[in-house]
Structure formats: structure tokens, C-alpha cells
Amino acid sequence: MLPPELPPLPALTRAEGELVDHYLATAELLGRVNPARGDDTYAALRAAQALVTEVTRLRDALALMHARGETELHRATLERALRVLDGERRAGRVAVPPAGAADAGNGSAGDGGRER
């Protein structure tokens, strides 16, 4: 049986696509640095180092949009793109887990904050 078909990604400018991609990558890296979720300092250090590069790319995408005269973020379109790209799950590790989650196996997917 085939998996359900994902909804189509909304039409985005190249800069909007880069904004969404780098935002999600930044959120994933922040989740790996989250001290309430990880248990490995080396993995957190690697994520923090990569975070610098990713945030720079995020800034560059926003600067390009601004330089082109794109003064508004089309929130509904960008939100739909984030949902299609599984943004809720990908950004979910940034938040502090509910109380007691650390006692129940760290509350994560069991990767201990390590990169895949």
C-alpha cells in the first residue's frame, strides 16, 4: 500500500523557499542543542557549530527578500509550506518537554540529540 500523498507545496519565490528551508534547519539544530532534550555534549556542540552557518543562511534569505522589495511575509502561504514540510515535528524539540518526560525516556525519538 502506498503512503498517503502529501498536499502540494505552495508556490514560493526562491527566497521564500530558502527562508522556509533554513528556518526549519535552524529549528532542528536548536532542538539538538536543547539541554532539556539531549544527553550528549559533543552532539550539542556540533549542532551549535552548524547553527551559526544555518542562521547566516536564514539571515541572507531574509536580506535578499528585503532587498528585492518584499516587505511582507505571506504568513498563510509560509505556514502552509511549513506544515507540508513537517515543520511542527521538526521544530518540536525546541520546546521544553512536559514535566516528567525526562523520566520517561527523555521524551524524544530515542536519538539522544544525535544527528542522523
PDB file of N, CA and C in Angstrom:
ATOM      1  N   MET A   1       0.832  -1.167   0.000  1.00  0.00           N
ATOM      2  CA  MET A   1       0.000   0.000   0.000  1.00  0.00           C
ATOM      3  C   MET A   1       0.888   1.245   0.000  1.00  0.00           C
ATOM      4  N   LEU A   2       0.570   2.195  -0.839  1.00  0.00           N
ATOM      5  CA  LEU A   2       1.347   3.429  -0.931  1.00  0.00           C
ATOM      6  C   LEU A   2       0.994   4.367   0.217  1.00  0.00           C
ATOM      7  N   PRO A   3       2.000   5.134   0.672  1.00  0.00           N
ATOM      8  CA  PRO A   3       1.702   6.115   1.732  1.00  0.00           C
ATOM      9  C   PRO A   3       0.772   7.195   1.187  1.00  0.00           C
ATOM     10  N   PRO A   4       0.038   7.873   2.073  1.00  0.00           N
ATOM     11  CA  PRO A   4      -0.861   8.926   1.593  1.00  0.00           C
ATOM     12  C   PRO A   4      -0.061  10.028   0.904  1.00  0.00           C
ATOM     13  N   GLU A   5      -0.643  10.592  -0.136  1.00  0.00           N
ATOM     14  CA  GLU A   5       0.024  11.649  -0.875  1.00  0.00           C
ATOM     15  C   GLU A   5       0.018  12.939  -0.063  1.00  0.00           C
ATOM     16  N   LEU A   6       1.167  13.586  -0.031  1.00  0.00           N
ATOM     17  CA  LEU A   6       1.283  14.844   0.694  1.00  0.00           C
ATOM     18  C   LEU A   6       0.590  15.948  -0.094  1.00  0.00           C
ATOM     19  N   PRO A   7       0.067  16.941   0.611  1.00  0.00           N
ATOM     20  CA  PRO A   7      -0.507  18.080  -0.111  1.00  0.00           C
ATOM     21  C   PRO A   7       0.601  18.794  -0.871  1.00  0.00           C
ATOM     22  N   PRO A   8       0.262  19.463  -1.951  1.00  0.00           N
ATOM     23  CA  PRO A   8       1.306  20.147  -2.718  1.00  0.00           C
ATOM     24  C   PRO A   8       1.900  21.323  -1.942  1.00  0.00           C
ATOM     25  N   LEU A   9       3.161  21.547  -2.189  1.00  0.00           N
ATOM     26  CA  LEU A   9       3.837  22.693  -1.592  1.00  0.00           C
ATOM     27  C   LEU A   9       3.338  23.949  -2.297  1.00  0.00           C
ATOM     28  N   PRO A  10       2.980  24.981  -1.555  1.00  0.00           N
ATOM     29  CA  PRO A  10       2.502  26.209  -2.202  1.00  0.00           C
ATOM     30  C   PRO A  10       3.619  26.845  -3.036  1.00  0.00           C
ATOM     31  N   ALA A  11       3.232  27.630  -4.019  1.00  0.00           N
ATOM     32  CA  ALA A  11       4.211  28.336  -4.843  1.00  0.00           C
ATOM     33  C   ALA A  11       4.933  29.373  -3.990  1.00  0.00           C
ATOM     34  N   LEU A  12       6.252  29.311  -4.005  1.00  0.00           N
ATOM     35  CA  LEU A  12       7.084  30.223  -3.232  1.00  0.00           C
ATOM     36  C   LEU A  12       8.146  30.821  -4.148  1.00  0.00           C
ATOM     37  N   THR A  13       8.574  32.030  -3.836  1.00  0.00           N
ATOM     38  CA  THR A  13       9.741  32.558  -4.526  1.00  0.00           C
ATOM     39  C   THR A  13      10.952  31.766  -4.043  1.00  0.00           C
ATOM     40  N   ARG A  14      12.046  31.876  -4.764  1.00  0.00           N
ATOM     41  CA  ARG A  14      13.259  31.167  -4.337  1.00  0.00           C
ATOM     42  C   ARG A  14      13.668  31.612  -2.935  1.00  0.00           C
ATOM     43  N   ALA A  15      13.599  32.929  -2.679  1.00  0.00           N
ATOM     44  CA  ALA A  15      13.978  33.440  -1.357  1.00  0.00           C
ATOM     45  C   ALA A  15      13.033  32.927  -0.275  1.00  0.00           C
ATOM     46  N   GLU A  16      11.723  32.853  -0.573  1.00  0.00           N
ATOM     47  CA  GLU A  16      10.777  32.309   0.409  1.00  0.00           C
ATOM     48  C   GLU A  16      11.076  30.839   0.676  1.00  0.00           C
ATOM     49  N   GLY A  17      11.399  30.095  -0.373  1.00  0.00           N
ATOM     50  CA  GLY A  17      11.762  28.686  -0.199  1.00  0.00           C
ATOM     51  C   GLY A  17      12.991  28.533   0.672  1.00  0.00           C
ATOM     52  N   GLU A  18      13.981  29.393   0.447  1.00  0.00           N
ATOM     53  CA  GLU A  18      15.187  29.355   1.277  1.00  0.00           C
ATOM     54  C   GLU A  18      14.882  29.768   2.710  1.00  0.00           C
ATOM     55  N   LEU A  19      14.006  30.743   2.877  1.00  0.00           N
ATOM     56  CA  LEU A  19      13.589  31.156   4.225  1.00  0.00           C
ATOM     57  C   LEU A  19      12.999  29.969   4.982  1.00  0.00           C
ATOM     58  N   VAL A  20      12.072  29.269   4.347  1.00  0.00           N
ATOM     59  CA  VAL A  20      11.423  28.124   4.989  1.00  0.00           C
ATOM     60  C   VAL A  20      12.441  27.024   5.270  1.00  0.00           C
ATOM     61  N   ASP A  21      13.266  26.688   4.280  1.00  0.00           N
ATOM     62  CA  ASP A  21      14.257  25.619   4.461  1.00  0.00           C
ATOM     63  C   ASP A  21      15.233  25.933   5.587  1.00  0.00           C
ATOM     64  N   HIS A  22      15.758  27.146   5.599  1.00  0.00           N
ATOM     65  CA  HIS A  22      16.759  27.489   6.613  1.00  0.00           C
ATOM     66  C   HIS A  22      16.129  27.706   7.986  1.00  0.00           C
ATOM     67  N   TYR A  23      14.883  28.159   8.017  1.00  0.00           N
ATOM     68  CA  TYR A  23      14.170  28.260   9.294  1.00  0.00           C
ATOM     69  C   TYR A  23      14.023  26.866   9.914  1.00  0.00           C
ATOM     70  N   LEU A  24      13.579  25.900   9.114  1.00  0.00           N
ATOM     71  CA  LEU A  24      13.392  24.544   9.642  1.00  0.00           C
ATOM     72  C   LEU A  24      14.719  23.908  10.052  1.00  0.00           C
ATOM     73  N   ALA A  25      15.756  24.125   9.257  1.00  0.00           N
ATOM     74  CA  ALA A  25      17.065  23.584   9.618  1.00  0.00           C
ATOM     75  C   ALA A  25      17.567  24.214  10.919  1.00  0.00           C
ATOM     76  N   THR A  26      17.341  25.509  11.084  1.00  0.00           N
ATOM     77  CA  THR A  26      17.733  26.195  12.314  1.00  0.00           C
ATOM     78  C   THR A  26      16.970  25.643  13.510  1.00  0.00           C
ATOM     79  N   ALA A  27      15.675  25.427  13.337  1.00  0.00           N
ATOM     80  CA  ALA A  27      14.856  24.878  14.434  1.00  0.00           C
ATOM     81  C   ALA A  27      15.334  23.481  14.814  1.00  0.00           C
ATOM     82  N   GLU A  28      15.658  22.656  13.817  1.00  0.00           N
ATOM     83  CA  GLU A  28      16.156  21.309  14.117  1.00  0.00           C
ATOM     84  C   GLU A  28      17.465  21.372  14.905  1.00  0.00           C
ATOM     85  N   LEU A  29      18.361  22.265  14.493  1.00  0.00           N
ATOM     86  CA  LEU A  29      19.635  22.397  15.206  1.00  0.00           C
ATOM     87  C   LEU A  29      19.435  22.925  16.615  1.00  0.00           C
ATOM     88  N   LEU A  30      18.545  23.890  16.787  1.00  0.00           N
ATOM     89  CA  LEU A  30      18.239  24.378  18.140  1.00  0.00           C
ATOM     90  C   LEU A  30      17.691  23.245  19.008  1.00  0.00           C
ATOM     91  N   GLY A  31      16.890  22.387  18.425  1.00  0.00           N
ATOM     92  CA  GLY A  31      16.369  21.241  19.165  1.00  0.00           C
ATOM     93  C   GLY A  31      17.469  20.301  19.623  1.00  0.00           C
ATOM     94  N   ARG A  32      18.512  20.158  18.810  1.00  0.00           N
ATOM     95  CA  ARG A  32      19.632  19.287  19.179  1.00  0.00           C
ATOM     96  C   ARG A  32      20.500  19.900  20.263  1.00  0.00           C
ATOM     97  N   VAL A  33      20.455  21.233  20.377  1.00  0.00           N
ATOM     98  CA  VAL A  33      21.223  21.930  21.413  1.00  0.00           C
ATOM     99  C   VAL A  33      20.420  22.010  22.715  1.00  0.00           C
ATOM    100  N   ASN A  34      19.122  21.844  22.653  1.00  0.00           N
ATOM    101  CA  ASN A  34      18.231  21.986  23.808  1.00  0.00           C
ATOM    102  C   ASN A  34      18.704  21.093  24.963  1.00  0.00           C
ATOM    103  N   PRO A  35      19.152  21.695  26.067  1.00  0.00           N
ATOM    104  CA  PRO A  35      19.670  20.892  27.174  1.00  0.00           C
ATOM    105  C   PRO A  35      18.604  20.046  27.864  1.00  0.00           C
ATOM    106  N   ALA A  36      17.352  20.370  27.675  1.00  0.00           N
ATOM    107  CA  ALA A  36      16.289  19.575  28.277  1.00  0.00           C
ATOM    108  C   ALA A  36      15.978  18.333  27.439  1.00  0.00           C
ATOM    109  N   ARG A  37      16.557  18.206  26.276  1.00  0.00           N
ATOM    110  CA  ARG A  37      16.258  17.081  25.386  1.00  0.00           C
ATOM    111  C   ARG A  37      17.455  16.175  25.124  1.00  0.00           C
ATOM    112  N   GLY A  38      18.648  16.744  25.090  1.00  0.00           N
ATOM    113  CA  GLY A  38      19.819  15.950  24.730  1.00  0.00           C
ATOM    114  C   GLY A  38      20.525  15.372  25.933  1.00  0.00           C
ATOM    115  N   ASP A  39      21.483  14.488  25.649  1.00  0.00           N
ATOM    116  CA  ASP A  39      22.278  13.938  26.745  1.00  0.00           C
ATOM    117  C   ASP A  39      23.728  13.747  26.329  1.00  0.00           C
ATOM    118  N   ASP A  40      24.128  14.428  25.252  1.00  0.00           N
ATOM    119  CA  ASP A  40      25.468  14.257  24.716  1.00  0.00           C
ATOM    120  C   ASP A  40      26.032  15.642  24.386  1.00  0.00           C
ATOM    121  N   THR A  41      27.068  16.065  25.119  1.00  0.00           N
ATOM    122  CA  THR A  41      27.613  17.408  24.891  1.00  0.00           C
ATOM    123  C   THR A  41      28.258  17.531  23.522  1.00  0.00           C
ATOM    124  N   TYR A  42      28.864  16.468  23.019  1.00  0.00           N
ATOM    125  CA  TYR A  42      29.513  16.559  21.720  1.00  0.00           C
ATOM    126  C   TYR A  42      28.482  16.782  20.617  1.00  0.00           C
ATOM    127  N   ALA A  43      27.365  16.078  20.657  1.00  0.00           N
ATOM    128  CA  ALA A  43      26.308  16.272  19.654  1.00  0.00           C
ATOM    129  C   ALA A  43      25.738  17.686  19.746  1.00  0.00           C
ATOM    130  N   ALA A  44      25.581  18.196  20.963  1.00  0.00           N
ATOM    131  CA  ALA A  44      25.076  19.564  21.142  1.00  0.00           C
ATOM    132  C   ALA A  44      26.090  20.579  20.612  1.00  0.00           C
ATOM    133  N   LEU A  45      27.369  20.334  20.854  1.00  0.00           N
ATOM    134  CA  LEU A  45      28.408  21.218  20.350  1.00  0.00           C
ATOM    135  C   LEU A  45      28.400  21.245  18.827  1.00  0.00           C
ATOM    136  N   ARG A  46      28.311  20.087  18.198  1.00  0.00           N
ATOM    137  CA  ARG A  46      28.274  20.023  16.723  1.00  0.00           C
ATOM    138  C   ARG A  46      27.060  20.759  16.178  1.00  0.00           C
ATOM    139  N   ALA A  47      25.932  20.590  16.825  1.00  0.00           N
ATOM    140  CA  ALA A  47      24.722  21.284  16.380  1.00  0.00           C
ATOM    141  C   ALA A  47      24.886  22.797  16.549  1.00  0.00           C
ATOM    142  N   ALA A  48      25.489  23.233  17.651  1.00  0.00           N
ATOM    143  CA  ALA A  48      25.697  24.666  17.883  1.00  0.00           C
ATOM    144  C   ALA A  48      26.641  25.253  16.833  1.00  0.00           C
ATOM    145  N   GLN A  49      27.664  24.504  16.456  1.00  0.00           N
ATOM    146  CA  GLN A  49      28.573  24.974  15.419  1.00  0.00           C
ATOM    147  C   GLN A  49      27.853  25.100  14.078  1.00  0.00           C
ATOM    148  N   ALA A  50      27.037  24.132  13.740  1.00  0.00           N
ATOM    149  CA  ALA A  50      26.286  24.168  12.482  1.00  0.00           C
ATOM    150  C   ALA A  50      25.216  25.261  12.509  1.00  0.00           C
ATOM    151  N   LEU A  51      24.732  25.571  13.693  1.00  0.00           N
ATOM    152  CA  LEU A  51      23.695  26.591  13.852  1.00  0.00           C
ATOM    153  C   LEU A  51      24.167  27.947  13.346  1.00  0.00           C
ATOM    154  N   VAL A  52      25.417  28.271  13.564  1.00  0.00           N
ATOM    155  CA  VAL A  52      25.966  29.557  13.112  1.00  0.00           C
ATOM    156  C   VAL A  52      25.823  29.683  11.596  1.00  0.00           C
ATOM    157  N   THR A  53      26.192  28.656  10.877  1.00  0.00           N
ATOM    158  CA  THR A  53      26.097  28.666   9.413  1.00  0.00           C
ATOM    159  C   THR A  53      24.650  28.752   8.964  1.00  0.00           C
ATOM    160  N   GLU A  54      23.796  27.983   9.595  1.00  0.00           N
ATOM    161  CA  GLU A  54      22.393  27.940   9.179  1.00  0.00           C
ATOM    162  C   GLU A  54      21.674  29.255   9.450  1.00  0.00           C
ATOM    163  N   VAL A  55      21.957  29.886  10.585  1.00  0.00           N
ATOM    164  CA  VAL A  55      21.344  31.172  10.900  1.00  0.00           C
ATOM    165  C   VAL A  55      21.826  32.238   9.915  1.00  0.00           C
ATOM    166  N   THR A  56      23.072  32.153   9.501  1.00  0.00           N
ATOM    167  CA  THR A  56      23.591  33.092   8.495  1.00  0.00           C
ATOM    168  C   THR A  56      22.828  32.926   7.189  1.00  0.00           C
ATOM    169  N   ARG A  57      22.554  31.703   6.798  1.00  0.00           N
ATOM    170  CA  ARG A  57      21.782  31.456   5.569  1.00  0.00           C
ATOM    171  C   ARG A  57      20.345  31.962   5.714  1.00  0.00           C
ATOM    172  N   LEU A  58      19.782  31.793   6.882  1.00  0.00           N
ATOM    173  CA  LEU A  58      18.431  32.311   7.148  1.00  0.00           C
ATOM    174  C   LEU A  58      18.427  33.839   7.033  1.00  0.00           C
ATOM    175  N   ARG A  59      19.406  34.470   7.652  1.00  0.00           N
ATOM    176  CA  ARG A  59      19.526  35.930   7.557  1.00  0.00           C
ATOM    177  C   ARG A  59      19.684  36.378   6.113  1.00  0.00           C
ATOM    178  N   ASP A  60      20.498  35.664   5.342  1.00  0.00           N
ATOM    179  CA  ASP A  60      20.734  36.030   3.945  1.00  0.00           C
ATOM    180  C   ASP A  60      19.458  35.911   3.117  1.00  0.00           C
ATOM    181  N   ALA A  61      18.651  34.901   3.367  1.00  0.00           N
ATOM    182  CA  ALA A  61      17.377  34.750   2.647  1.00  0.00           C
ATOM    183  C   ALA A  61      16.453  35.926   2.954  1.00  0.00           C
ATOM    184  N   LEU A  62      16.385  36.314   4.219  1.00  0.00           N
ATOM    185  CA  LEU A  62      15.548  37.458   4.600  1.00  0.00           C
ATOM    186  C   LEU A  62      16.104  38.767   4.040  1.00  0.00           C
ATOM    187  N   ALA A  63      17.418  38.927   4.035  1.00  0.00           N
ATOM    188  CA  ALA A  63      18.030  40.139   3.482  1.00  0.00           C
ATOM    189  C   ALA A  63      17.752  40.245   1.987  1.00  0.00           C
ATOM    190  N   LEU A  64      17.814  39.115   1.278  1.00  0.00           N
ATOM    191  CA  LEU A  64      17.512  39.112  -0.152  1.00  0.00           C
ATOM    192  C   LEU A  64      16.065  39.508  -0.405  1.00  0.00           C
ATOM    193  N   MET A  65      15.153  38.962   0.385  1.00  0.00           N
ATOM    194  CA  MET A  65      13.742  39.322   0.244  1.00  0.00           C
ATOM    195  C   MET A  65      13.561  40.821   0.463  1.00  0.00           C
ATOM    196  N   HIS A  66      14.184  41.347   1.500  1.00  0.00           N
ATOM    197  CA  HIS A  66      14.053  42.771   1.812  1.00  0.00           C
ATOM    198  C   HIS A  66      14.650  43.627   0.691  1.00  0.00           C
ATOM    199  N   ALA A  67      15.818  43.234   0.191  1.00  0.00           N
ATOM    200  CA  ALA A  67      16.477  43.994  -0.881  1.00  0.00           C
ATOM    201  C   ALA A  67      15.647  44.004  -2.157  1.00  0.00           C
ATOM    202  N   ARG A  68      14.892  42.946  -2.397  1.00  0.00           N
ATOM    203  CA  ARG A  68      14.037  42.871  -3.586  1.00  0.00           C
ATOM    204  C   ARG A  68      12.726  43.618  -3.405  1.00  0.00           C
ATOM    205  N   GLY A  69      12.534  44.195  -2.252  1.00  0.00           N
ATOM    206  CA  GLY A  69      11.302  44.940  -2.019  1.00  0.00           C
ATOM    207  C   GLY A  69      10.165  44.092  -1.479  1.00  0.00           C
ATOM    208  N   GLU A  70      10.459  42.865  -1.099  1.00  0.00           N
ATOM    209  CA  GLU A  70       9.441  42.011  -0.472  1.00  0.00           C
ATOM    210  C   GLU A  70       9.349  42.447   0.987  1.00  0.00           C
ATOM    211  N   THR A  71       8.377  43.302   1.270  1.00  0.00           N
ATOM    212  CA  THR A  71       8.290  43.888   2.608  1.00  0.00           C
ATOM    213  C   THR A  71       7.382  43.107   3.545  1.00  0.00           C
ATOM    214  N   GLU A  72       6.629  42.176   3.012  1.00  0.00           N
ATOM    215  CA  GLU A  72       5.700  41.389   3.831  1.00  0.00           C
ATOM    216  C   GLU A  72       6.037  39.913   3.754  1.00  0.00           C
ATOM    217  N   LEU A  73       5.809  39.226   4.857  1.00  0.00           N
ATOM    218  CA  LEU A  73       5.841  37.766   4.846  1.00  0.00           C
ATOM    219  C   LEU A  73       4.401  37.307   4.641  1.00  0.00           C
ATOM    220  N   HIS A  74       4.191  36.498   3.641  1.00  0.00           N
ATOM    221  CA  HIS A  74       2.843  35.977   3.367  1.00  0.00           C
ATOM    222  C   HIS A  74       2.618  34.788   4.303  1.00  0.00           C
ATOM    223  N   ARG A  75       2.145  35.133   5.490  1.00  0.00           N
ATOM    224  CA  ARG A  75       2.078  34.184   6.595  1.00  0.00           C
ATOM    225  C   ARG A  75       1.312  32.922   6.267  1.00  0.00           C
ATOM    226  N   ALA A  76       0.134  33.038   5.672  1.00  0.00           N
ATOM    227  CA  ALA A  76      -0.686  31.853   5.391  1.00  0.00           C
ATOM    228  C   ALA A  76       0.042  30.906   4.442  1.00  0.00           C
ATOM    229  N   THR A  77       0.674  31.456   3.414  1.00  0.00           N
ATOM    230  CA  THR A  77       1.399  30.629   2.446  1.00  0.00           C
ATOM    231  C   THR A  77       2.608  29.976   3.087  1.00  0.00           C
ATOM    232  N   LEU A  78       3.368  30.755   3.849  1.00  0.00           N
ATOM    233  CA  LEU A  78       4.556  30.213   4.501  1.00  0.00           C
ATOM    234  C   LEU A  78       4.178  29.192   5.569  1.00  0.00           C
ATOM    235  N   GLU A  79       3.095  29.428   6.280  1.00  0.00           N
ATOM    236  CA  GLU A  79       2.623  28.458   7.274  1.00  0.00           C
ATOM    237  C   GLU A  79       2.243  27.149   6.600  1.00  0.00           C
ATOM    238  N   ARG A  80       1.560  27.235   5.459  1.00  0.00           N
ATOM    239  CA  ARG A  80       1.175  26.021   4.732  1.00  0.00           C
ATOM    240  C   ARG A  80       2.423  25.261   4.279  1.00  0.00           C
ATOM    241  N   ALA A  81       3.429  25.987   3.798  1.00  0.00           N
ATOM    242  CA  ALA A  81       4.681  25.342   3.390  1.00  0.00           C
ATOM    243  C   ALA A  81       5.347  24.655   4.579  1.00  0.00           C
ATOM    244  N   LEU A  82       5.371  25.315   5.728  1.00  0.00           N
ATOM    245  CA  LEU A  82       5.968  24.717   6.925  1.00  0.00           C
ATOM    246  C   LEU A  82       5.236  23.441   7.326  1.00  0.00           C
ATOM    247  N   ARG A  83       3.916  23.447   7.225  1.00  0.00           N
ATOM    248  CA  ARG A  83       3.147  22.248   7.582  1.00  0.00           C
ATOM    249  C   ARG A  83       3.396  21.103   6.603  1.00  0.00           C
ATOM    250  N   VAL A  84       3.446  21.415   5.297  1.00  0.00           N
ATOM    251  CA  VAL A  84       3.716  20.378   4.292  1.00  0.00           C
ATOM    252  C   VAL A  84       5.089  19.756   4.534  1.00  0.00           C
ATOM    253  N   LEU A  85       6.038  20.570   4.966  1.00  0.00           N
ATOM    254  CA  LEU A  85       7.402  20.097   5.214  1.00  0.00           C
ATOM    255  C   LEU A  85       7.598  19.565   6.631  1.00  0.00           C
ATOM    256  N   ASP A  86       6.513  19.266   7.318  1.00  0.00           N
ATOM    257  CA  ASP A  86       6.539  18.658   8.647  1.00  0.00           C
ATOM    258  C   ASP A  86       7.191  19.562   9.691  1.00  0.00           C
ATOM    259  N   GLY A  87       6.910  20.865   9.570  1.00  0.00           N
ATOM    260  CA  GLY A  87       7.513  21.840  10.461  1.00  0.00           C
ATOM    261  C   GLY A  87       7.164  21.664  11.917  1.00  0.00           C
ATOM    262  N   GLU A  88       5.948  21.203  12.210  1.00  0.00           N
ATOM    263  CA  GLU A  88       5.576  21.033  13.622  1.00  0.00           C
ATOM    264  C   GLU A  88       6.468  20.004  14.303  1.00  0.00           C
ATOM    265  N   ARG A  89       6.715  18.888  13.635  1.00  0.00           N
ATOM    266  CA  ARG A  89       7.581  17.856  14.215  1.00  0.00           C
ATOM    267  C   ARG A  89       9.029  18.343  14.250  1.00  0.00           C
ATOM    268  N   ARG A  90       9.472  18.942  13.155  1.00  0.00           N
ATOM    269  CA  ARG A  90      10.869  19.347  13.047  1.00  0.00           C
ATOM    270  C   ARG A  90      11.239  20.432  14.058  1.00  0.00           C
ATOM    271  N   ALA A  91      10.303  21.290  14.402  1.00  0.00           N
ATOM    272  CA  ALA A  91      10.568  22.360  15.367  1.00  0.00           C
ATOM    273  C   ALA A  91      10.163  21.958  16.789  1.00  0.00           C
ATOM    274  N   GLY A  92       9.563  20.812  16.948  1.00  0.00           N
ATOM    275  CA  GLY A  92       9.028  20.406  18.246  1.00  0.00           C
ATOM    276  C   GLY A  92      10.054  20.195  19.340  1.00  0.00           C
ATOM    277  N   ARG A  93      11.286  19.874  18.984  1.00  0.00           N
ATOM    278  CA  ARG A  93      12.313  19.621  20.010  1.00  0.00           C
ATOM    279  C   ARG A  93      12.860  20.890  20.625  1.00  0.00           C
ATOM    280  N   VAL A  94      12.493  22.052  20.074  1.00  0.00           N
ATOM    281  CA  VAL A  94      12.981  23.321  20.627  1.00  0.00           C
ATOM    282  C   VAL A  94      12.335  23.597  21.982  1.00  0.00           C
ATOM    283  N   ALA A  95      11.097  23.199  22.147  1.00  0.00           N
ATOM    284  CA  ALA A  95      10.356  23.467  23.384  1.00  0.00           C
ATOM    285  C   ALA A  95      10.854  22.593  24.532  1.00  0.00           C
ATOM    286  N   VAL A  96      10.675  23.097  25.726  1.00  0.00           N
ATOM    287  CA  VAL A  96      10.979  22.309  26.920  1.00  0.00           C
ATOM    288  C   VAL A  96       9.920  21.210  27.019  1.00  0.00           C
ATOM    289  N   PRO A  97      10.334  19.961  27.236  1.00  0.00           N
ATOM    290  CA  PRO A  97       9.352  18.883  27.312  1.00  0.00           C
ATOM    291  C   PRO A  97       8.460  19.024  28.546  1.00  0.00           C
ATOM    292  N   PRO A  98       7.292  18.405  28.504  1.00  0.00           N
ATOM    293  CA  PRO A  98       6.404  18.446  29.673  1.00  0.00           C
ATOM    294  C   PRO A  98       7.095  17.842  30.896  1.00  0.00           C
ATOM    295  N   ALA A  99       6.673  18.263  32.063  1.00  0.00           N
ATOM    296  CA  ALA A  99       7.240  17.728  33.304  1.00  0.00           C
ATOM    297  C   ALA A  99       7.116  16.217  33.324  1.00  0.00           C
ATOM    298  N   GLY A 100       8.186  15.554  33.728  1.00  0.00           N
ATOM    299  CA  GLY A 100       8.173  14.100  33.815  1.00  0.00           C
ATOM    300  C   GLY A 100       8.584  13.400  32.533  1.00  0.00           C
ATOM    301  N   ALA A 101       8.706  14.119  31.436  1.00  0.00           N
ATOM    302  CA  ALA A 101       9.077  13.486  30.172  1.00  0.00           C
ATOM    303  C   ALA A 101      10.507  12.954  30.213  1.00  0.00           C
ATOM    304  N   ALA A 102      11.399  13.623  30.952  1.00  0.00           N
ATOM    305  CA  ALA A 102      12.783  13.167  31.042  1.00  0.00           C
ATOM    306  C   ALA A 102      12.854  11.809  31.740  1.00  0.00           C
ATOM    307  N   ASP A 103      11.929  11.563  32.649  1.00  0.00           N
ATOM    308  CA  ASP A 103      11.916  10.278  33.350  1.00  0.00           C
ATOM    309  C   ASP A 103      11.392   9.166  32.456  1.00  0.00           C
ATOM    310  N   ALA A 104      10.659   9.520  31.421  1.00  0.00           N
ATOM    311  CA  ALA A 104      10.058   8.527  30.525  1.00  0.00           C
ATOM    312  C   ALA A 104      10.848   8.424  29.232  1.00  0.00           C
ATOM    313  N   GLY A 105      12.163   8.248  29.331  1.00  0.00           N
ATOM    314  CA  GLY A 105      12.961   8.044  28.141  1.00  0.00           C
ATOM    315  C   GLY A 105      13.316   9.317  27.404  1.00  0.00           C
ATOM    316  N   ASN A 106      13.468  10.433  28.121  1.00  0.00           N
ATOM    317  CA  ASN A 106      13.895  11.702  27.559  1.00  0.00           C
ATOM    318  C   ASN A 106      12.849  12.356  26.669  1.00  0.00           C
ATOM    319  N   GLY A 107      11.712  11.733  26.410  1.00  0.00           N
ATOM    320  CA  GLY A 107      10.655  12.352  25.643  1.00  0.00           C
ATOM    321  C   GLY A 107      10.989  12.585  24.198  1.00  0.00           C
ATOM    322  N   SER A 108      12.069  11.966  23.690  1.00  0.00           N
ATOM    323  CA  SER A 108      12.444  12.168  22.296  1.00  0.00           C
ATOM    324  C   SER A 108      12.307  10.869  21.545  1.00  0.00           C
ATOM    325  N   ALA A 109      12.729  10.896  20.301  1.00  0.00           N
ATOM    326  CA  ALA A 109      12.628   9.730  19.434  1.00  0.00           C
ATOM    327  C   ALA A 109      13.707   8.704  19.767  1.00  0.00           C
ATOM    328  N   GLY A 110      14.431   8.918  20.864  1.00  0.00           N
ATOM    329  CA  GLY A 110      15.435   7.949  21.273  1.00  0.00           C
ATOM    330  C   GLY A 110      16.790   8.177  20.628  1.00  0.00           C
ATOM    331  N   ASP A 111      17.000   9.292  19.946  1.00  0.00           N
ATOM    332  CA  ASP A 111      18.274   9.532  19.292  1.00  0.00           C
ATOM    333  C   ASP A 111      19.242  10.281  20.178  1.00  0.00           C
ATOM    334  N   GLY A 112      18.795  10.711  21.378  1.00  0.00           N
ATOM    335  CA  GLY A 112      19.666  11.367  22.322  1.00  0.00           C
ATOM    336  C   GLY A 112      20.252  12.671  21.807  1.00  0.00           C
ATOM    337  N   GLY A 113      19.588  13.269  20.823  1.00  0.00           N
ATOM    338  CA  GLY A 113      20.060  14.529  20.285  1.00  0.00           C
ATOM    339  C   GLY A 113      21.133  14.378  19.223  1.00  0.00           C
ATOM    340  N   ARG A 114      21.419  13.135  18.812  1.00  0.00           N
ATOM    341  CA  ARG A 114      22.467  12.916  17.822  1.00  0.00           C
ATOM    342  C   ARG A 114      21.941  13.169  16.420  1.00  0.00           C
ATOM    343  N   GLU A 115      22.857  13.640  15.567  1.00  0.00           N
ATOM    344  CA  GLU A 115      22.487  13.860  14.171  1.00  0.00           C
ATOM    345  C   GLU A 115      22.288  12.528  13.484  1.00  0.00           C
ATOM    346  N   ARG A 116      21.406  12.566  12.506  1.00  0.00           N
ATOM    347  CA  ARG A 116      21.160  11.325  11.758  1.00  0.00           C
ATOM    348  C   ARG A 116      21.888  11.352  10.449  1.00  0.00           C
TER     349      ARG A 116
END
